[in-house]
Every structure is written in structure tokens, then in C-alpha cells.
Amino acid sequence: MYKVLSVEKYIPQKYIPYVEEFWKDIDGCWLNLKDDYISTTTEASTIHENSIKEVKKCLKTIMLEEEYLNSWKNKQFMRKDKLK
């Protein structure tokens, strides 16, 4: 059994465009992001935490998946350059 949580009530306005759905069950709080967005903490389109407060702390890690992958590739490239 789960309870759908109000995105408008719990999620700050600037993050609402990235959120697909938000709910709570016996395992904690779940926030699904819209297509093409991920949390850099989980490297996935889902944020799962024990409380709403903890989910809200993770919101700042949301970014476009493509940007995240590009930044990761750039870090890998920079490391290779340092080895030379």
C-alpha cells in the first residue's frame, strides 16, 4: 500500500518541473523524475529516502542525464591527460 504525496506541497517550486511522481510506502519516500533527468547521488531517475526531509535534501542533485554523462566523460578525459 502506498500514499501519493502532493508535489506542490512538499517540493520547492524550482524542482517541480523535474518531478514525475512522489509517494510514500512502508519502505520510505520515493520520487520519480521525468524522462532525461537523474539524481547524481543515485545515478538513476528515482530518489528513495526514509523521509520527505531526506528526499528534499537530494533535490539539488537533479540534472539532465546527458549533462551528467558529459561531465563524467570530461572528468575521465582530464584524468587521462594528467597521467601523460
C-alpha atoms as a PDB file:
ATOM      1  CA  MET A   1       0.000   0.000   0.000  1.00  0.00           C
ATOM      2  CA  TYR A   2       1.277   3.467  -0.810  1.00  0.00           C
ATOM      3  CA  LYS A   3       0.183   7.067  -0.448  1.00  0.00           C
ATOM      4  CA  VAL A   4       0.661   9.613  -3.234  1.00  0.00           C
ATOM      5  CA  LEU A   5       2.262  12.769  -1.851  1.00  0.00           C
ATOM      6  CA  SER A   6       1.490  16.254  -3.139  1.00  0.00           C
ATOM      7  CA  VAL A   7       4.384  17.504  -5.233  1.00  0.00           C
ATOM      8  CA  GLU A   8       3.124  21.084  -4.835  1.00  0.00           C
ATOM      9  CA  LYS A   9       3.006  20.759  -1.038  1.00  0.00           C
ATOM     10  CA  TYR A  10       6.403  19.173  -0.398  1.00  0.00           C
ATOM     11  CA  ILE A  11       8.659  20.006  -3.345  1.00  0.00           C
ATOM     12  CA  PRO A  12      10.058  23.541  -3.827  1.00  0.00           C
ATOM     13  CA  GLN A  13       8.702  25.268  -6.931  1.00  0.00           C
ATOM     14  CA  LYS A  14      12.011  25.279  -8.819  1.00  0.00           C
ATOM     15  CA  TYR A  15      12.192  21.453  -8.740  1.00  0.00           C
ATOM     16  CA  ILE A  16       8.568  20.694  -9.663  1.00  0.00           C
ATOM     17  CA  PRO A  17       9.218  20.658 -13.456  1.00  0.00           C
ATOM     18  CA  TYR A  18      11.576  17.684 -12.979  1.00  0.00           C
ATOM     19  CA  VAL A  19       9.243  15.527 -10.868  1.00  0.00           C
ATOM     20  CA  GLU A  20       7.005  12.857 -12.380  1.00  0.00           C
ATOM     21  CA  GLU A  21       5.520  11.437  -9.162  1.00  0.00           C
ATOM     22  CA  PHE A  22       6.086  11.355  -5.412  1.00  0.00           C
ATOM     23  CA  TRP A  23       4.795   8.772  -2.956  1.00  0.00           C
ATOM     24  CA  LYS A  24       5.381   7.089   0.395  1.00  0.00           C
ATOM     25  CA  ASP A  25       5.123   3.426   1.352  1.00  0.00           C
ATOM     26  CA  ILE A  26       6.439   1.156   4.111  1.00  0.00           C
ATOM     27  CA  ASP A  27       9.948   1.423   2.623  1.00  0.00           C
ATOM     28  CA  GLY A  28      10.058   5.232   2.735  1.00  0.00           C
ATOM     29  CA  CYS A  29       9.577   8.066   0.269  1.00  0.00           C
ATOM     30  CA  TRP A  30      10.004   7.701  -3.477  1.00  0.00           C
ATOM     31  CA  LEU A  31      10.373  10.451  -6.048  1.00  0.00           C
ATOM     32  CA  ASN A  32      10.400   9.588  -9.751  1.00  0.00           C
ATOM     33  CA  LEU A  33      11.946  12.117 -12.091  1.00  0.00           C
ATOM     34  CA  LYS A  34      10.717  12.932 -15.573  1.00  0.00           C
ATOM     35  CA  ASP A  35      12.431  11.410 -18.588  1.00  0.00           C
ATOM     36  CA  ASP A  36      16.005  12.582 -19.209  1.00  0.00           C
ATOM     37  CA  TYR A  37      16.610  13.628 -15.573  1.00  0.00           C
ATOM     38  CA  ILE A  38      18.604  11.818 -12.904  1.00  0.00           C
ATOM     39  CA  SER A  39      19.886  12.320  -9.398  1.00  0.00           C
ATOM     40  CA  THR A  40      23.672  12.428  -9.375  1.00  0.00           C
ATOM     41  CA  THR A  41      23.599  10.727  -5.975  1.00  0.00           C
ATOM     42  CA  THR A  42      21.751   7.650  -7.184  1.00  0.00           C
ATOM     43  CA  GLU A  43      22.707   7.936 -10.867  1.00  0.00           C
ATOM     44  CA  ALA A  44      19.090   6.994 -11.534  1.00  0.00           C
ATOM     45  CA  SER A  45      15.753   8.640 -12.237  1.00  0.00           C
ATOM     46  CA  THR A  46      14.457   7.680  -8.791  1.00  0.00           C
ATOM     47  CA  ILE A  47      15.242   9.158  -5.395  1.00  0.00           C
ATOM     48  CA  HIS A  48      14.425   6.888  -2.447  1.00  0.00           C
ATOM     49  CA  GLU A  49      14.899   8.049   1.134  1.00  0.00           C
ATOM     50  CA  ASN A  50      13.393   7.320   4.532  1.00  0.00           C
ATOM     51  CA  SER A  51      11.669  10.691   4.922  1.00  0.00           C
ATOM     52  CA  ILE A  52      10.360  13.654   2.962  1.00  0.00           C
ATOM     53  CA  LYS A  53      13.069  15.795   4.557  1.00  0.00           C
ATOM     54  CA  GLU A  54      15.788  13.480   3.219  1.00  0.00           C
ATOM     55  CA  VAL A  55      14.237  13.487  -0.270  1.00  0.00           C
ATOM     56  CA  LYS A  56      14.227  17.294  -0.225  1.00  0.00           C
ATOM     57  CA  LYS A  57      17.959  17.301   0.573  1.00  0.00           C
ATOM     58  CA  CYS A  58      18.574  15.252  -2.593  1.00  0.00           C
ATOM     59  CA  LEU A  59      16.700  17.612  -4.914  1.00  0.00           C
ATOM     60  CA  LYS A  60      19.818  19.691  -5.529  1.00  0.00           C
ATOM     61  CA  THR A  61      21.408  16.636  -7.186  1.00  0.00           C
ATOM     62  CA  ILE A  62      18.882  16.580 -10.063  1.00  0.00           C
ATOM     63  CA  MET A  63      20.286  17.279 -13.518  1.00  0.00           C
ATOM     64  CA  LEU A  64      19.849  16.294 -17.133  1.00  0.00           C
ATOM     65  CA  GLU A  65      21.219  12.824 -17.682  1.00  0.00           C
ATOM     66  CA  GLU A  66      23.074  13.949 -20.810  1.00  0.00           C
ATOM     67  CA  GLU A  67      24.826  16.750 -18.887  1.00  0.00           C
ATOM     68  CA  TYR A  68      25.813  14.309 -16.169  1.00  0.00           C
ATOM     69  CA  LEU A  69      27.225  11.825 -18.675  1.00  0.00           C
ATOM     70  CA  ASN A  70      29.131  14.592 -20.467  1.00  0.00           C
ATOM     71  CA  SER A  71      30.604  15.867 -17.204  1.00  0.00           C
ATOM     72  CA  TRP A  72      31.639  12.326 -16.324  1.00  0.00           C
ATOM     73  CA  LYS A  73      33.315  11.878 -19.722  1.00  0.00           C
ATOM     74  CA  ASN A  74      35.152  15.179 -19.247  1.00  0.00           C
ATOM     75  CA  LYS A  75      36.445  14.045 -15.848  1.00  0.00           C
ATOM     76  CA  GLN A  76      37.689  10.802 -17.359  1.00  0.00           C
ATOM     77  CA  PHE A  77      39.390  12.729 -20.176  1.00  0.00           C
ATOM     78  CA  MET A  78      41.061  15.099 -17.705  1.00  0.00           C
ATOM     79  CA  ARG A  79      42.407  12.180 -15.664  1.00  0.00           C
ATOM     80  CA  LYS A  80      43.977  10.636 -18.760  1.00  0.00           C
ATOM     81  CA  ASP A  81      45.650  13.963 -19.577  1.00  0.00           C
ATOM     82  CA  LYS A  82      47.145  14.155 -16.087  1.00  0.00           C
ATOM     83  CA  LEU A  83      48.694  10.709 -16.484  1.00  0.00           C
ATOM     84  CA  LYS A  84      50.696  11.796 -19.534  1.00  0.00           C
END
